[in-house]
Amino acid sequence: MENSMNYEIINHLIIVHFSGEIDCSNAPIYRQSLSDLFENTKEDIIFDFKNTSFIDSSGIGLVLGRYNQLKFDHRTLILTGLNQVAYRLFELTGLFQIMPYYESIEDIKEGII
């Protein structure tokens, strides 16, 4: 699976889709792309990890940094689609205490779109 990140805008949300791995080799690239995107938009954000096979501490840092960037603008970061290992990592780091998590994009659409 190729490592990639792309996004789409649906209604009042930007959905960022990650594929492959998020690690120290690509997290800085994603960080810059997301920072640029967030500076030029005002929508809330969904990070979709459905096609992500691995996330290391760089990926956690990426998520937390973007959360802080959005929080400054009173915007929300929603997480979805984590595999079991990544879910446990996010749970242990306490990120679910500050960011909402939904099992799927469909669950988010039912709840807020």
PDB file of N, CA and C in Angstrom:
ATOM      1  N   MET A   1       0.836  -1.165   0.000  1.00  0.00           N
ATOM      2  CA  MET A   1       0.000   0.000   0.000  1.00  0.00           C
ATOM      3  C   MET A   1       0.893   1.243   0.000  1.00  0.00           C
ATOM      4  N   GLU A   2       0.620   2.154  -0.878  1.00  0.00           N
ATOM      5  CA  GLU A   2       1.395   3.380  -0.985  1.00  0.00           C
ATOM      6  C   GLU A   2       1.001   4.371   0.109  1.00  0.00           C
ATOM      7  N   ASN A   3       1.977   5.070   0.651  1.00  0.00           N
ATOM      8  CA  ASN A   3       1.697   6.105   1.641  1.00  0.00           C
ATOM      9  C   ASN A   3       1.193   7.345   0.928  1.00  0.00           C
ATOM     10  N   SER A   4       0.034   7.847   1.356  1.00  0.00           N
ATOM     11  CA  SER A   4      -0.511   9.045   0.738  1.00  0.00           C
ATOM     12  C   SER A   4      -1.482   9.732   1.665  1.00  0.00           C
ATOM     13  N   MET A   5      -1.782  10.971   1.317  1.00  0.00           N
ATOM     14  CA  MET A   5      -2.764  11.766   2.028  1.00  0.00           C
ATOM     15  C   MET A   5      -3.491  12.613   0.999  1.00  0.00           C
ATOM     16  N   ASN A   6      -4.825  12.594   1.039  1.00  0.00           N
ATOM     17  CA  ASN A   6      -5.607  13.477   0.189  1.00  0.00           C
ATOM     18  C   ASN A   6      -6.833  13.922   0.964  1.00  0.00           C
ATOM     19  N   TYR A   7      -7.533  14.889   0.431  1.00  0.00           N
ATOM     20  CA  TYR A   7      -8.689  15.397   1.163  1.00  0.00           C
ATOM     21  C   TYR A   7      -9.826  15.729   0.215  1.00  0.00           C
ATOM     22  N   GLU A   8     -11.010  15.830   0.802  1.00  0.00           N
ATOM     23  CA  GLU A   8     -12.201  16.271   0.094  1.00  0.00           C
ATOM     24  C   GLU A   8     -13.009  17.149   1.038  1.00  0.00           C
ATOM     25  N   ILE A   9     -13.782  18.052   0.460  1.00  0.00           N
ATOM     26  CA  ILE A   9     -14.637  18.915   1.263  1.00  0.00           C
ATOM     27  C   ILE A   9     -16.080  18.508   1.014  1.00  0.00           C
ATOM     28  N   ILE A  10     -16.773  18.160   2.111  1.00  0.00           N
ATOM     29  CA  ILE A  10     -18.181  17.775   2.039  1.00  0.00           C
ATOM     30  C   ILE A  10     -18.931  18.616   3.057  1.00  0.00           C
ATOM     31  N   ASN A  11     -19.906  19.367   2.572  1.00  0.00           N
ATOM     32  CA  ASN A  11     -20.679  20.279   3.423  1.00  0.00           C
ATOM     33  C   ASN A  11     -19.728  21.196   4.176  1.00  0.00           C
ATOM     34  N   HIS A  12     -19.746  21.161   5.469  1.00  0.00           N
ATOM     35  CA  HIS A  12     -18.914  22.047   6.292  1.00  0.00           C
ATOM     36  C   HIS A  12     -17.709  21.319   6.891  1.00  0.00           C
ATOM     37  N   LEU A  13     -17.285  20.232   6.249  1.00  0.00           N
ATOM     38  CA  LEU A  13     -16.179  19.433   6.777  1.00  0.00           C
ATOM     39  C   LEU A  13     -15.122  19.164   5.707  1.00  0.00           C
ATOM     40  N   ILE A  14     -13.886  19.124   6.147  1.00  0.00           N
ATOM     41  CA  ILE A  14     -12.790  18.644   5.294  1.00  0.00           C
ATOM     42  C   ILE A  14     -12.443  17.253   5.792  1.00  0.00           C
ATOM     43  N   ILE A  15     -12.504  16.268   4.906  1.00  0.00           N
ATOM     44  CA  ILE A  15     -12.155  14.896   5.263  1.00  0.00           C
ATOM     45  C   ILE A  15     -10.777  14.598   4.682  1.00  0.00           C
ATOM     46  N   VAL A  16      -9.822  14.338   5.568  1.00  0.00           N
ATOM     47  CA  VAL A  16      -8.452  14.020   5.171  1.00  0.00           C
ATOM     48  C   VAL A  16      -8.302  12.506   5.253  1.00  0.00           C
ATOM     49  N   HIS A  17      -8.004  11.890   4.111  1.00  0.00           N
ATOM     50  CA  HIS A  17      -7.835  10.432   4.027  1.00  0.00           C
ATOM     51  C   HIS A  17      -6.343  10.104   4.018  1.00  0.00           C
ATOM     52  N   PHE A  18      -5.935   9.267   4.959  1.00  0.00           N
ATOM     53  CA  PHE A  18      -4.555   8.782   5.009  1.00  0.00           C
ATOM     54  C   PHE A  18      -4.528   7.338   4.526  1.00  0.00           C
ATOM     55  N   SER A  19      -3.484   6.980   3.788  1.00  0.00           N
ATOM     56  CA  SER A  19      -3.292   5.599   3.334  1.00  0.00           C
ATOM     57  C   SER A  19      -1.871   5.157   3.634  1.00  0.00           C
ATOM     58  N   GLY A  20      -1.720   3.878   3.920  1.00  0.00           N
ATOM     59  CA  GLY A  20      -0.400   3.319   4.189  1.00  0.00           C
ATOM     60  C   GLY A  20       0.049   3.616   5.599  1.00  0.00           C
ATOM     61  N   GLU A  21       1.297   4.046   5.740  1.00  0.00           N
ATOM     62  CA  GLU A  21       1.888   4.304   7.050  1.00  0.00           C
ATOM     63  C   GLU A  21       2.056   5.799   7.284  1.00  0.00           C
ATOM     64  N   ILE A  22       1.929   6.187   8.549  1.00  0.00           N
ATOM     65  CA  ILE A  22       2.256   7.552   8.967  1.00  0.00           C
ATOM     66  C   ILE A  22       3.393   7.421   9.964  1.00  0.00           C
ATOM     67  N   ASP A  23       4.577   7.817   9.530  1.00  0.00           N
ATOM     68  CA  ASP A  23       5.767   7.656  10.367  1.00  0.00           C
ATOM     69  C   ASP A  23       6.705   8.838  10.172  1.00  0.00           C
ATOM     70  N   CYS A  24       7.903   8.732  10.712  1.00  0.00           N
ATOM     71  CA  CYS A  24       8.851   9.849  10.665  1.00  0.00           C
ATOM     72  C   CYS A  24       9.278  10.227   9.248  1.00  0.00           C
ATOM     73  N   SER A  25       9.074   9.335   8.292  1.00  0.00           N
ATOM     74  CA  SER A  25       9.483   9.652   6.918  1.00  0.00           C
ATOM     75  C   SER A  25       8.477  10.540   6.192  1.00  0.00           C
ATOM     76  N   ASN A  26       7.195  10.467   6.564  1.00  0.00           N
ATOM     77  CA  ASN A  26       6.207  11.278   5.847  1.00  0.00           C
ATOM     78  C   ASN A  26       5.433  12.253   6.735  1.00  0.00           C
ATOM     79  N   ALA A  27       5.505  12.120   8.043  1.00  0.00           N
ATOM     80  CA  ALA A  27       4.770  13.022   8.938  1.00  0.00           C
ATOM     81  C   ALA A  27       5.145  14.501   8.722  1.00  0.00           C
ATOM     82  N   PRO A  28       6.421  14.850   8.529  1.00  0.00           N
ATOM     83  CA  PRO A  28       6.740  16.267   8.295  1.00  0.00           C
ATOM     84  C   PRO A  28       6.106  16.823   7.013  1.00  0.00           C
ATOM     85  N   ILE A  29       6.037  16.003   5.990  1.00  0.00           N
ATOM     86  CA  ILE A  29       5.414  16.425   4.731  1.00  0.00           C
ATOM     87  C   ILE A  29       3.921  16.635   4.937  1.00  0.00           C
ATOM     88  N   TYR A  30       3.278  15.688   5.595  1.00  0.00           N
ATOM     89  CA  TYR A  30       1.850  15.806   5.900  1.00  0.00           C
ATOM     90  C   TYR A  30       1.592  17.022   6.786  1.00  0.00           C
ATOM     91  N   ARG A  31       2.456  17.239   7.765  1.00  0.00           N
ATOM     92  CA  ARG A  31       2.295  18.361   8.696  1.00  0.00           C
ATOM     93  C   ARG A  31       2.253  19.684   7.936  1.00  0.00           C
ATOM     94  N   GLN A  32       3.183  19.874   7.022  1.00  0.00           N
ATOM     95  CA  GLN A  32       3.230  21.126   6.267  1.00  0.00           C
ATOM     96  C   GLN A  32       2.016  21.269   5.354  1.00  0.00           C
ATOM     97  N   SER A  33       1.651  20.209   4.672  1.00  0.00           N
ATOM     98  CA  SER A  33       0.484  20.255   3.779  1.00  0.00           C
ATOM     99  C   SER A  33      -0.792  20.567   4.553  1.00  0.00           C
ATOM    100  N   LEU A  34      -0.951  19.938   5.720  1.00  0.00           N
ATOM    101  CA  LEU A  34      -2.149  20.174   6.531  1.00  0.00           C
ATOM    102  C   LEU A  34      -2.156  21.577   7.120  1.00  0.00           C
ATOM    103  N   SER A  35      -1.019  22.058   7.565  1.00  0.00           N
ATOM    104  CA  SER A  35      -0.950  23.421   8.096  1.00  0.00           C
ATOM    105  C   SER A  35      -1.362  24.432   7.040  1.00  0.00           C
ATOM    106  N   ASP A  36      -0.863  24.252   5.821  1.00  0.00           N
ATOM    107  CA  ASP A  36      -1.240  25.146   4.719  1.00  0.00           C
ATOM    108  C   ASP A  36      -2.738  25.067   4.432  1.00  0.00           C
ATOM    109  N   LEU A  37      -3.266  23.855   4.393  1.00  0.00           N
ATOM    110  CA  LEU A  37      -4.688  23.658   4.134  1.00  0.00           C
ATOM    111  C   LEU A  37      -5.529  24.323   5.218  1.00  0.00           C
ATOM    112  N   PHE A  38      -5.178  24.119   6.468  1.00  0.00           N
ATOM    113  CA  PHE A  38      -5.970  24.645   7.582  1.00  0.00           C
ATOM    114  C   PHE A  38      -5.935  26.166   7.637  1.00  0.00           C
ATOM    115  N   GLU A  39      -4.823  26.759   7.229  1.00  0.00           N
ATOM    116  CA  GLU A  39      -4.719  28.218   7.232  1.00  0.00           C
ATOM    117  C   GLU A  39      -5.621  28.855   6.186  1.00  0.00           C
ATOM    118  N   ASN A  40      -5.937  28.114   5.147  1.00  0.00           N
ATOM    119  CA  ASN A  40      -6.725  28.666   4.036  1.00  0.00           C
ATOM    120  C   ASN A  40      -8.183  28.233   4.046  1.00  0.00           C
ATOM    121  N   THR A  41      -8.624  27.555   5.111  1.00  0.00           N
ATOM    122  CA  THR A  41     -10.008  27.101   5.207  1.00  0.00           C
ATOM    123  C   THR A  41     -10.529  27.384   6.612  1.00  0.00           C
ATOM    124  N   LYS A  42     -11.824  27.242   6.781  1.00  0.00           N
ATOM    125  CA  LYS A  42     -12.431  27.476   8.104  1.00  0.00           C
ATOM    126  C   LYS A  42     -13.293  26.299   8.558  1.00  0.00           C
ATOM    127  N   GLU A  43     -13.329  25.219   7.789  1.00  0.00           N
ATOM    128  CA  GLU A  43     -14.158  24.069   8.119  1.00  0.00           C
ATOM    129  C   GLU A  43     -13.544  23.251   9.252  1.00  0.00           C
ATOM    130  N   ASP A  44     -14.395  22.449   9.913  1.00  0.00           N
ATOM    131  CA  ASP A  44     -13.914  21.445  10.842  1.00  0.00           C
ATOM    132  C   ASP A  44     -13.286  20.310  10.038  1.00  0.00           C
ATOM    133  N   ILE A  45     -12.499  19.457  10.693  1.00  0.00           N
ATOM    134  CA  ILE A  45     -11.679  18.456  10.005  1.00  0.00           C
ATOM    135  C   ILE A  45     -11.980  17.056  10.524  1.00  0.00           C
ATOM    136  N   ILE A  46     -12.004  16.098   9.601  1.00  0.00           N
ATOM    137  CA  ILE A  46     -12.056  14.678   9.941  1.00  0.00           C
ATOM    138  C   ILE A  46     -10.768  14.044   9.441  1.00  0.00           C
ATOM    139  N   PHE A  47     -10.070  13.328  10.294  1.00  0.00           N
ATOM    140  CA  PHE A  47      -8.938  12.512   9.874  1.00  0.00           C
ATOM    141  C   PHE A  47      -9.448  11.083   9.737  1.00  0.00           C
ATOM    142  N   ASP A  48      -9.437  10.560   8.517  1.00  0.00           N
ATOM    143  CA  ASP A  48      -9.899   9.209   8.223  1.00  0.00           C
ATOM    144  C   ASP A  48      -8.691   8.286   8.076  1.00  0.00           C
ATOM    145  N   PHE A  49      -8.564   7.341   9.009  1.00  0.00           N
ATOM    146  CA  PHE A  49      -7.440   6.404   9.023  1.00  0.00           C
ATOM    147  C   PHE A  49      -7.836   5.015   8.528  1.00  0.00           C
ATOM    148  N   LYS A  50      -8.959   4.910   7.854  1.00  0.00           N
ATOM    149  CA  LYS A  50      -9.472   3.608   7.423  1.00  0.00           C
ATOM    150  C   LYS A  50      -8.445   2.808   6.622  1.00  0.00           C
ATOM    151  N   ASN A  51      -7.663   3.470   5.798  1.00  0.00           N
ATOM    152  CA  ASN A  51      -6.680   2.787   4.958  1.00  0.00           C
ATOM    153  C   ASN A  51      -5.249   2.932   5.474  1.00  0.00           C
ATOM    154  N   THR A  52      -5.121   3.256   6.763  1.00  0.00           N
ATOM    155  CA  THR A  52      -3.807   3.423   7.377  1.00  0.00           C
ATOM    156  C   THR A  52      -3.417   2.130   8.081  1.00  0.00           C
ATOM    157  N   SER A  53      -2.252   1.618   7.746  1.00  0.00           N
ATOM    158  CA  SER A  53      -1.814   0.342   8.313  1.00  0.00           C
ATOM    159  C   SER A  53      -0.927   0.503   9.542  1.00  0.00           C
ATOM    160  N   PHE A  54      -0.305   1.678   9.711  1.00  0.00           N
ATOM    161  CA  PHE A  54       0.644   1.865  10.811  1.00  0.00           C
ATOM    162  C   PHE A  54       0.750   3.340  11.151  1.00  0.00           C
ATOM    163  N   ILE A  55       0.811   3.642  12.447  1.00  0.00           N
ATOM    164  CA  ILE A  55       1.035   5.003  12.934  1.00  0.00           C
ATOM    165  C   ILE A  55       2.054   4.920  14.069  1.00  0.00           C
ATOM    166  N   ASP A  56       3.140   5.695  13.963  1.00  0.00           N
ATOM    167  CA  ASP A  56       4.112   5.723  15.058  1.00  0.00           C
ATOM    168  C   ASP A  56       3.976   7.032  15.835  1.00  0.00           C
ATOM    169  N   SER A  57       4.931   7.312  16.706  1.00  0.00           N
ATOM    170  CA  SER A  57       4.845   8.513  17.530  1.00  0.00           C
ATOM    171  C   SER A  57       4.859   9.794  16.701  1.00  0.00           C
ATOM    172  N   SER A  58       5.481   9.757  15.534  1.00  0.00           N
ATOM    173  CA  SER A  58       5.449  10.919  14.642  1.00  0.00           C
ATOM    174  C   SER A  58       4.035  11.188  14.160  1.00  0.00           C
ATOM    175  N   GLY A  59       3.292  10.121  13.914  1.00  0.00           N
ATOM    176  CA  GLY A  59       1.895  10.259  13.513  1.00  0.00           C
ATOM    177  C   GLY A  59       1.035  10.814  14.631  1.00  0.00           C
ATOM    178  N   ILE A  60       1.301  10.356  15.854  1.00  0.00           N
ATOM    179  CA  ILE A  60       0.587  10.891  17.020  1.00  0.00           C
ATOM    180  C   ILE A  60       0.892  12.384  17.157  1.00  0.00           C
ATOM    181  N   GLY A  61       2.157  12.737  16.998  1.00  0.00           N
ATOM    182  CA  GLY A  61       2.553  14.148  17.058  1.00  0.00           C
ATOM    183  C   GLY A  61       1.880  14.971  15.971  1.00  0.00           C
ATOM    184  N   LEU A  62       1.761  14.403  14.784  1.00  0.00           N
ATOM    185  CA  LEU A  62       1.079  15.073  13.683  1.00  0.00           C
ATOM    186  C   LEU A  62      -0.364  15.381  14.063  1.00  0.00           C
ATOM    187  N   VAL A  63      -1.062  14.392  14.588  1.00  0.00           N
ATOM    188  CA  VAL A  63      -2.463  14.567  14.971  1.00  0.00           C
ATOM    189  C   VAL A  63      -2.589  15.602  16.082  1.00  0.00           C
ATOM    190  N   LEU A  64      -1.774  15.490  17.106  1.00  0.00           N
ATOM    191  CA  LEU A  64      -1.857  16.415  18.238  1.00  0.00           C
ATOM    192  C   LEU A  64      -1.522  17.849  17.810  1.00  0.00           C
ATOM    193  N   GLY A  65      -0.540  18.005  16.974  1.00  0.00           N
ATOM    194  CA  GLY A  65      -0.181  19.339  16.477  1.00  0.00           C
ATOM    195  C   GLY A  65      -1.295  19.977  15.672  1.00  0.00           C
ATOM    196  N   ARG A  66      -1.953  19.172  14.820  1.00  0.00           N
ATOM    197  CA  ARG A  66      -3.051  19.724  14.018  1.00  0.00           C
ATOM    198  C   ARG A  66      -4.256  20.024  14.912  1.00  0.00           C
ATOM    199  N   TYR A  67      -4.466  19.207  15.951  1.00  0.00           N
ATOM    200  CA  TYR A  67      -5.534  19.492  16.913  1.00  0.00           C
ATOM    201  C   TYR A  67      -5.302  20.862  17.558  1.00  0.00           C
ATOM    202  N   ASN A  68      -4.071  21.114  17.985  1.00  0.00           N
ATOM    203  CA  ASN A  68      -3.758  22.400  18.618  1.00  0.00           C
ATOM    204  C   ASN A  68      -3.939  23.563  17.653  1.00  0.00           C
ATOM    205  N   GLN A  69      -3.561  23.363  16.402  1.00  0.00           N
ATOM    206  CA  GLN A  69      -3.742  24.402  15.388  1.00  0.00           C
ATOM    207  C   GLN A  69      -5.228  24.710  15.202  1.00  0.00           C
ATOM    208  N   LEU A  70      -6.049  23.689  15.134  1.00  0.00           N
ATOM    209  CA  LEU A  70      -7.483  23.875  14.942  1.00  0.00           C
ATOM    210  C   LEU A  70      -8.148  24.455  16.187  1.00  0.00           C
ATOM    211  N   LYS A  71      -7.722  24.010  17.350  1.00  0.00           N
ATOM    212  CA  LYS A  71      -8.295  24.489  18.606  1.00  0.00           C
ATOM    213  C   LYS A  71      -8.118  25.999  18.730  1.00  0.00           C
ATOM    214  N   PHE A  72      -6.994  26.500  18.301  1.00  0.00           N
ATOM    215  CA  PHE A  72      -6.717  27.934  18.338  1.00  0.00           C
ATOM    216  C   PHE A  72      -7.774  28.718  17.555  1.00  0.00           C
ATOM    217  N   ASP A  73      -8.291  28.117  16.477  1.00  0.00           N
ATOM    218  CA  ASP A  73      -9.323  28.755  15.638  1.00  0.00           C
ATOM    219  C   ASP A  73     -10.734  28.314  16.012  1.00  0.00           C
ATOM    220  N   HIS A  74     -10.887  27.637  17.154  1.00  0.00           N
ATOM    221  CA  HIS A  74     -12.194  27.137  17.625  1.00  0.00           C
ATOM    222  C   HIS A  74     -12.828  26.179  16.612  1.00  0.00           C
ATOM    223  N   ARG A  75     -11.991  25.307  16.076  1.00  0.00           N
ATOM    224  CA  ARG A  75     -12.440  24.299  15.120  1.00  0.00           C
ATOM    225  C   ARG A  75     -12.242  22.921  15.739  1.00  0.00           C
ATOM    226  N   THR A  76     -12.921  21.927  15.175  1.00  0.00           N
ATOM    227  CA  THR A  76     -12.917  20.578  15.717  1.00  0.00           C
ATOM    228  C   THR A  76     -12.146  19.630  14.819  1.00  0.00           C
ATOM    229  N   LEU A  77     -11.401  18.716  15.439  1.00  0.00           N
ATOM    230  CA  LEU A  77     -10.745  17.611  14.738  1.00  0.00           C
ATOM    231  C   LEU A  77     -11.407  16.322  15.192  1.00  0.00           C
ATOM    232  N   ILE A  78     -11.960  15.580  14.251  1.00  0.00           N
ATOM    233  CA  ILE A  78     -12.644  14.313  14.511  1.00  0.00           C
ATOM    234  C   ILE A  78     -11.805  13.190  13.918  1.00  0.00           C
ATOM    235  N   LEU A  79     -11.687  12.090  14.641  1.00  0.00           N
ATOM    236  CA  LEU A  79     -10.920  10.929  14.187  1.00  0.00           C
ATOM    237  C   LEU A  79     -11.864   9.798  13.819  1.00  0.00           C
ATOM    238  N   THR A  80     -11.479   9.014  12.821  1.00  0.00           N
ATOM    239  CA  THR A  80     -12.278   7.857  12.426  1.00  0.00           C
ATOM    240  C   THR A  80     -11.405   6.802  11.759  1.00  0.00           C
ATOM    241  N   GLY A  81     -11.881   5.553  11.813  1.00  0.00           N
ATOM    242  CA  GLY A  81     -11.306   4.467  11.035  1.00  0.00           C
ATOM    243  C   GLY A  81     -10.005   3.870  11.530  1.00  0.00           C
ATOM    244  N   LEU A  82      -9.660   4.045  12.787  1.00  0.00           N
ATOM    245  CA  LEU A  82      -8.404   3.479  13.292  1.00  0.00           C
ATOM    246  C   LEU A  82      -8.473   1.960  13.391  1.00  0.00           C
ATOM    247  N   ASN A  83      -7.384   1.277  13.034  1.00  0.00           N
ATOM    248  CA  ASN A  83      -7.336  -0.174  13.250  1.00  0.00           C
ATOM    249  C   ASN A  83      -7.148  -0.431  14.747  1.00  0.00           C
ATOM    250  N   GLN A  84      -7.203  -1.685  15.161  1.00  0.00           N
ATOM    251  CA  GLN A  84      -7.169  -2.010  16.590  1.00  0.00           C
ATOM    252  C   GLN A  84      -5.894  -1.547  17.286  1.00  0.00           C
ATOM    253  N   VAL A  85      -4.769  -1.726  16.638  1.00  0.00           N
ATOM    254  CA  VAL A  85      -3.491  -1.345  17.247  1.00  0.00           C
ATOM    255  C   VAL A  85      -3.415   0.182  17.384  1.00  0.00           C
ATOM    256  N   ALA A  86      -3.753   0.897  16.320  1.00  0.00           N
ATOM    257  CA  ALA A  86      -3.715   2.359  16.369  1.00  0.00           C
ATOM    258  C   ALA A  86      -4.740   2.898  17.359  1.00  0.00           C
ATOM    259  N   TYR A  87      -5.913   2.270  17.410  1.00  0.00           N
ATOM    260  CA  TYR A  87      -6.937   2.695  18.359  1.00  0.00           C
ATOM    261  C   TYR A  87      -6.396   2.608  19.788  1.00  0.00           C
ATOM    262  N   ARG A  88      -5.743   1.520  20.089  1.00  0.00           N
ATOM    263  CA  ARG A  88      -5.178   1.321  21.432  1.00  0.00           C
ATOM    264  C   ARG A  88      -4.111   2.371  21.728  1.00  0.00           C
ATOM    265  N   LEU A  89      -3.280   2.698  20.752  1.00  0.00           N
ATOM    266  CA  LEU A  89      -2.249   3.722  20.911  1.00  0.00           C
ATOM    267  C   LEU A  89      -2.885   5.081  21.218  1.00  0.00           C
ATOM    268  N   PHE A  90      -3.909   5.449  20.465  1.00  0.00           N
ATOM    269  CA  PHE A  90      -4.598   6.718  20.701  1.00  0.00           C
ATOM    270  C   PHE A  90      -5.280   6.714  22.071  1.00  0.00           C
ATOM    271  N   GLU A  91      -5.825   5.574  22.442  1.00  0.00           N
ATOM    272  CA  GLU A  91      -6.488   5.445  23.738  1.00  0.00           C
ATOM    273  C   GLU A  91      -5.479   5.634  24.878  1.00  0.00           C
ATOM    274  N   LEU A  92      -4.328   4.984  24.767  1.00  0.00           N
ATOM    275  CA  LEU A  92      -3.294   5.076  25.805  1.00  0.00           C
ATOM    276  C   LEU A  92      -2.720   6.485  25.945  1.00  0.00           C
ATOM    277  N   THR A  93      -2.654   7.211  24.840  1.00  0.00           N
ATOM    278  CA  THR A  93      -2.108   8.566  24.886  1.00  0.00           C
ATOM    279  C   THR A  93      -3.134   9.585  25.376  1.00  0.00           C
ATOM    280  N   GLY A  94      -4.386   9.178  25.527  1.00  0.00           N
ATOM    281  CA  GLY A  94      -5.422  10.076  26.026  1.00  0.00           C
ATOM    282  C   GLY A  94      -6.023  10.993  24.985  1.00  0.00           C
ATOM    283  N   LEU A  95      -5.734  10.756  23.724  1.00  0.00           N
ATOM    284  CA  LEU A  95      -6.243  11.653  22.679  1.00  0.00           C
ATOM    285  C   LEU A  95      -7.768  11.616  22.553  1.00  0.00           C
ATOM    286  N   PHE A  96      -8.383  10.504  22.912  1.00  0.00           N
ATOM    287  CA  PHE A  96      -9.842  10.427  22.818  1.00  0.00           C
ATOM    288  C   PHE A  96     -10.525  11.302  23.870  1.00  0.00           C
ATOM    289  N   GLN A  97      -9.779  11.751  24.855  1.00  0.00           N
ATOM    290  CA  GLN A  97     -10.341  12.652  25.853  1.00  0.00           C
ATOM    291  C   GLN A  97     -10.480  14.070  25.321  1.00  0.00           C
ATOM    292  N   ILE A  98      -9.742  14.399  24.265  1.00  0.00           N
ATOM    293  CA  ILE A  98      -9.810  15.754  23.707  1.00  0.00           C
ATOM    294  C   ILE A  98     -10.366  15.797  22.283  1.00  0.00           C
ATOM    295  N   MET A  99     -10.419  14.652  21.610  1.00  0.00           N
ATOM    296  CA  MET A  99     -10.918  14.589  20.234  1.00  0.00           C
ATOM    297  C   MET A  99     -11.990  13.516  20.122  1.00  0.00           C
ATOM    298  N   PRO A 100     -13.097  13.812  19.436  1.00  0.00           N
ATOM    299  CA  PRO A 100     -14.115  12.772  19.249  1.00  0.00           C
ATOM    300  C   PRO A 100     -13.641  11.697  18.282  1.00  0.00           C
ATOM    301  N   TYR A 101     -14.089  10.471  18.519  1.00  0.00           N
ATOM    302  CA  TYR A 101     -13.770   9.346  17.646  1.00  0.00           C
ATOM    303  C   TYR A 101     -15.064   8.661  17.212  1.00  0.00           C
ATOM    304  N   TYR A 102     -15.159   8.360  15.929  1.00  0.00           N
ATOM    305  CA  TYR A 102     -16.266   7.594  15.360  1.00  0.00           C
ATOM    306  C   TYR A 102     -15.668   6.408  14.614  1.00  0.00           C
ATOM    307  N   GLU A 103     -16.399   5.308  14.593  1.00  0.00           N
ATOM    308  CA  GLU A 103     -15.908   4.106  13.906  1.00  0.00           C
ATOM    309  C   GLU A 103     -15.750   4.317  12.403  1.00  0.00           C
ATOM    310  N   SER A 104     -16.652   5.102  11.798  1.00  0.00           N
ATOM    311  CA  SER A 104     -16.611   5.260  10.343  1.00  0.00           C
ATOM    312  C   SER A 104     -17.119   6.633   9.924  1.00  0.00           C
ATOM    313  N   ILE A 105     -16.860   6.982   8.695  1.00  0.00           N
ATOM    314  CA  ILE A 105     -17.376   8.221   8.115  1.00  0.00           C
ATOM    315  C   ILE A 105     -18.907   8.207   8.154  1.00  0.00           C
ATOM    316  N   GLU A 106     -19.492   7.048   7.911  1.00  0.00           N
ATOM    317  CA  GLU A 106     -20.964   6.934   7.917  1.00  0.00           C
ATOM    318  C   GLU A 106     -21.524   7.280   9.298  1.00  0.00           C
ATOM    319  N   ASP A 107     -20.842   6.855  10.358  1.00  0.00           N
ATOM    320  CA  ASP A 107     -21.286   7.190  11.721  1.00  0.00           C
ATOM    321  C   ASP A 107     -21.215   8.695  11.945  1.00  0.00           C
ATOM    322  N   ILE A 108     -20.202   9.344  11.405  1.00  0.00           N
ATOM    323  CA  ILE A 108     -20.075  10.790  11.543  1.00  0.00           C
ATOM    324  C   ILE A 108     -21.222  11.471  10.797  1.00  0.00           C
ATOM    325  N   LYS A 109     -21.491  11.006   9.592  1.00  0.00           N
ATOM    326  CA  LYS A 109     -22.571  11.615   8.797  1.00  0.00           C
ATOM    327  C   LYS A 109     -23.907  11.497   9.533  1.00  0.00           C
ATOM    328  N   GLU A 110     -24.149  10.377  10.169  1.00  0.00           N
ATOM    329  CA  GLU A 110     -25.392  10.210  10.925  1.00  0.00           C
ATOM    330  C   GLU A 110     -25.434  11.152  12.118  1.00  0.00           C
ATOM    331  N   GLY A 111     -24.277  11.407  12.713  1.00  0.00           N
ATOM    332  CA  GLY A 111     -24.247  12.197  13.932  1.00  0.00           C
ATOM    333  C   GLY A 111     -24.191  13.700  13.736  1.00  0.00           C
ATOM    334  N   ILE A 112     -23.507  14.182  12.667  1.00  0.00           N
ATOM    335  CA  ILE A 112     -23.312  15.624  12.568  1.00  0.00           C
ATOM    336  C   ILE A 112     -23.558  16.243  11.199  1.00  0.00           C
ATOM    337  N   ILE A 113     -23.515  15.486  10.147  1.00  0.00           N
ATOM    338  CA  ILE A 113     -23.695  16.107   8.823  1.00  0.00           C
ATOM    339  C   ILE A 113     -25.166  16.215   8.502  1.00  0.00           C
TER     340      ILE A 113
END
